Amino acid sequence: SSPVVNATFGLRGTIGLQLGDHASSVAYVPANATAAEFASALQEAGNISTVRVSMDILQPSPPLGNDARRWRVTFTSFADAGDVPLLNVEHLPDGTQARVNVTEVVKGQSAPVARIDLV
């Protein structure tokens, strides 16, 4: 059986994420966002084009856990191919043991591009 965490309340509010140090906007993602909601929030921020997101629930809802989640974001835009800067955490959610860790799992790389001139 799972150990009881005795969480006072689950994670709530929003997580503010910014792409790199020089991004012009912050994406505010609900702490309980689905994968689709997470992707939409990132893309609507304006400086992130196309992403694919998956989500895992790491802990149950209170009182047995804090409703912690893990999202995996894959940047899929051909136009922005290459090594994308890490997402910076600009705003933390509220909740028992609330924290956000951003880790690069796979370093991005550009796909080969062919240029064909018809003259």
Protein backbone atom coordinates (compact mmCIF):
# COMPACT_ATOMS: atom_id res chain seq x y z
CA SER A 1 0.00 0.00 0.00
CA SER A 2 1.06 3.61 -0.59
CA PRO A 3 2.39 5.69 2.30
CA VAL A 4 0.06 8.48 3.40
CA VAL A 5 1.52 11.91 2.69
CA ASN A 6 -1.16 13.80 4.65
CA ALA A 7 -1.28 16.55 2.06
CA THR A 8 -3.24 19.55 3.28
CA PHE A 9 -4.32 20.35 -0.25
CA GLY A 10 -3.24 19.34 -3.73
CA LEU A 11 -1.26 21.38 -6.18
CA ARG A 12 -3.33 24.23 -7.57
CA GLY A 13 -2.97 27.51 -9.36
CA THR A 14 -0.63 27.90 -12.29
CA ILE A 15 2.95 27.23 -13.30
CA GLY A 16 4.57 30.09 -15.20
CA LEU A 17 7.02 28.87 -17.85
CA GLN A 18 9.23 30.88 -20.18
CA LEU A 19 11.31 29.54 -23.07
CA GLY A 20 14.90 30.53 -22.31
CA ASP A 21 16.22 33.72 -20.74
CA HIS A 22 15.14 36.08 -23.50
CA ALA A 23 11.54 35.03 -24.12
CA SER A 24 8.99 37.81 -24.48
CA SER A 25 6.08 36.04 -22.77
CA VAL A 26 5.24 33.58 -20.02
CA ALA A 27 2.98 30.55 -20.49
CA TYR A 28 0.69 30.03 -17.49
CA VAL A 29 -0.19 26.34 -17.24
CA PRO A 30 -2.78 25.07 -14.73
CA ALA A 31 -1.14 22.82 -12.10
CA ASN A 32 -3.71 20.12 -12.92
CA ALA A 33 -3.48 20.52 -16.71
CA THR A 34 -4.04 17.64 -19.09
CA ALA A 35 -1.43 17.05 -21.78
CA ALA A 36 -3.58 18.93 -24.34
CA GLU A 37 -4.09 21.90 -21.98
CA PHE A 38 -0.36 22.04 -21.25
CA ALA A 39 0.47 22.07 -24.99
CA SER A 40 -2.13 24.76 -25.71
CA ALA A 41 -0.84 27.01 -22.92
CA LEU A 42 2.74 26.75 -24.20
CA GLN A 43 1.77 27.38 -27.81
CA GLU A 44 -0.55 30.29 -26.94
CA ALA A 45 2.29 32.08 -25.13
CA GLY A 46 3.56 33.05 -28.56
CA ASN A 47 7.22 32.09 -28.46
CA ILE A 48 6.77 28.31 -28.65
CA SER A 49 5.47 26.89 -31.90
CA THR A 50 4.48 23.22 -32.10
CA VAL A 51 4.84 20.79 -29.18
CA ARG A 52 3.70 17.29 -28.27
CA VAL A 53 2.98 16.73 -24.55
CA SER A 54 2.36 13.60 -22.50
CA MET A 55 1.37 13.55 -18.83
CA ASP A 56 1.75 11.11 -15.93
CA ILE A 57 0.05 11.42 -12.53
CA LEU A 58 2.74 10.81 -9.89
CA GLN A 59 0.66 11.07 -6.71
CA PRO A 60 -3.03 10.68 -5.91
CA SER A 61 -5.24 13.54 -4.75
CA PRO A 62 -5.23 14.58 -1.06
CA PRO A 63 -5.10 13.32 1.60
CA LEU A 64 -3.01 10.48 0.13
CA GLY A 65 -0.86 12.73 -2.06
CA ASN A 66 -0.58 16.19 -3.55
CA ASP A 67 -1.85 15.37 -7.08
CA ALA A 68 1.70 15.73 -8.49
CA ARG A 69 2.12 15.34 -12.27
CA ARG A 70 4.92 14.98 -14.80
CA TRP A 71 4.67 16.41 -18.29
CA ARG A 72 7.04 15.51 -21.12
CA VAL A 73 7.27 18.20 -23.77
CA THR A 74 8.67 17.46 -27.23
CA PHE A 75 9.29 20.44 -29.51
CA THR A 76 8.18 19.28 -32.94
CA SER A 77 8.33 22.37 -35.16
CA PHE A 78 10.54 21.94 -38.21
CA ALA A 79 10.85 25.74 -38.46
CA ASP A 80 12.32 25.94 -34.94
CA ALA A 81 14.44 22.77 -35.21
CA GLY A 82 17.59 22.53 -33.16
CA ASP A 83 18.50 22.72 -29.51
CA VAL A 84 15.67 24.64 -27.82
CA PRO A 85 16.47 26.54 -24.59
CA LEU A 86 15.19 25.04 -21.35
CA LEU A 87 11.88 26.22 -19.99
CA ASN A 88 12.49 28.59 -17.08
CA VAL A 89 10.11 28.47 -14.13
CA GLU A 90 8.77 32.00 -13.55
CA HIS A 91 5.87 31.19 -11.22
CA LEU A 92 5.23 28.26 -8.83
CA PRO A 93 1.84 26.67 -8.09
CA ASP A 94 0.37 26.57 -4.58
CA GLY A 95 0.06 23.36 -2.62
CA THR A 96 1.68 20.92 -0.25
CA GLN A 97 5.32 20.35 -1.28
CA ALA A 98 4.89 22.44 -4.45
CA ARG A 99 7.99 22.62 -6.62
CA VAL A 100 8.78 22.49 -10.34
CA ASN A 101 11.86 20.84 -11.87
CA VAL A 102 12.73 21.22 -15.55
CA THR A 103 15.13 18.67 -17.03
CA GLU A 104 16.40 18.23 -20.56
CA VAL A 105 15.91 14.57 -21.49
CA VAL A 106 17.15 14.67 -25.10
CA LYS A 107 19.29 17.46 -26.54
CA GLY A 108 17.66 18.93 -29.65
CA GLN A 109 19.29 18.78 -33.03
CA SER A 110 18.50 20.13 -36.46
CA ALA A 111 17.43 17.75 -39.17
CA PRO A 112 19.32 17.99 -42.45
CA VAL A 113 17.73 20.49 -44.81
CA ALA A 114 18.14 20.42 -48.58
CA ARG A 115 18.02 23.58 -50.64
CA ILE A 116 17.01 23.21 -54.25
CA ASP A 117 17.22 26.18 -56.61
CA LEU A 118 15.33 26.04 -59.87
CA VAL A 119 16.93 28.53 -62.25
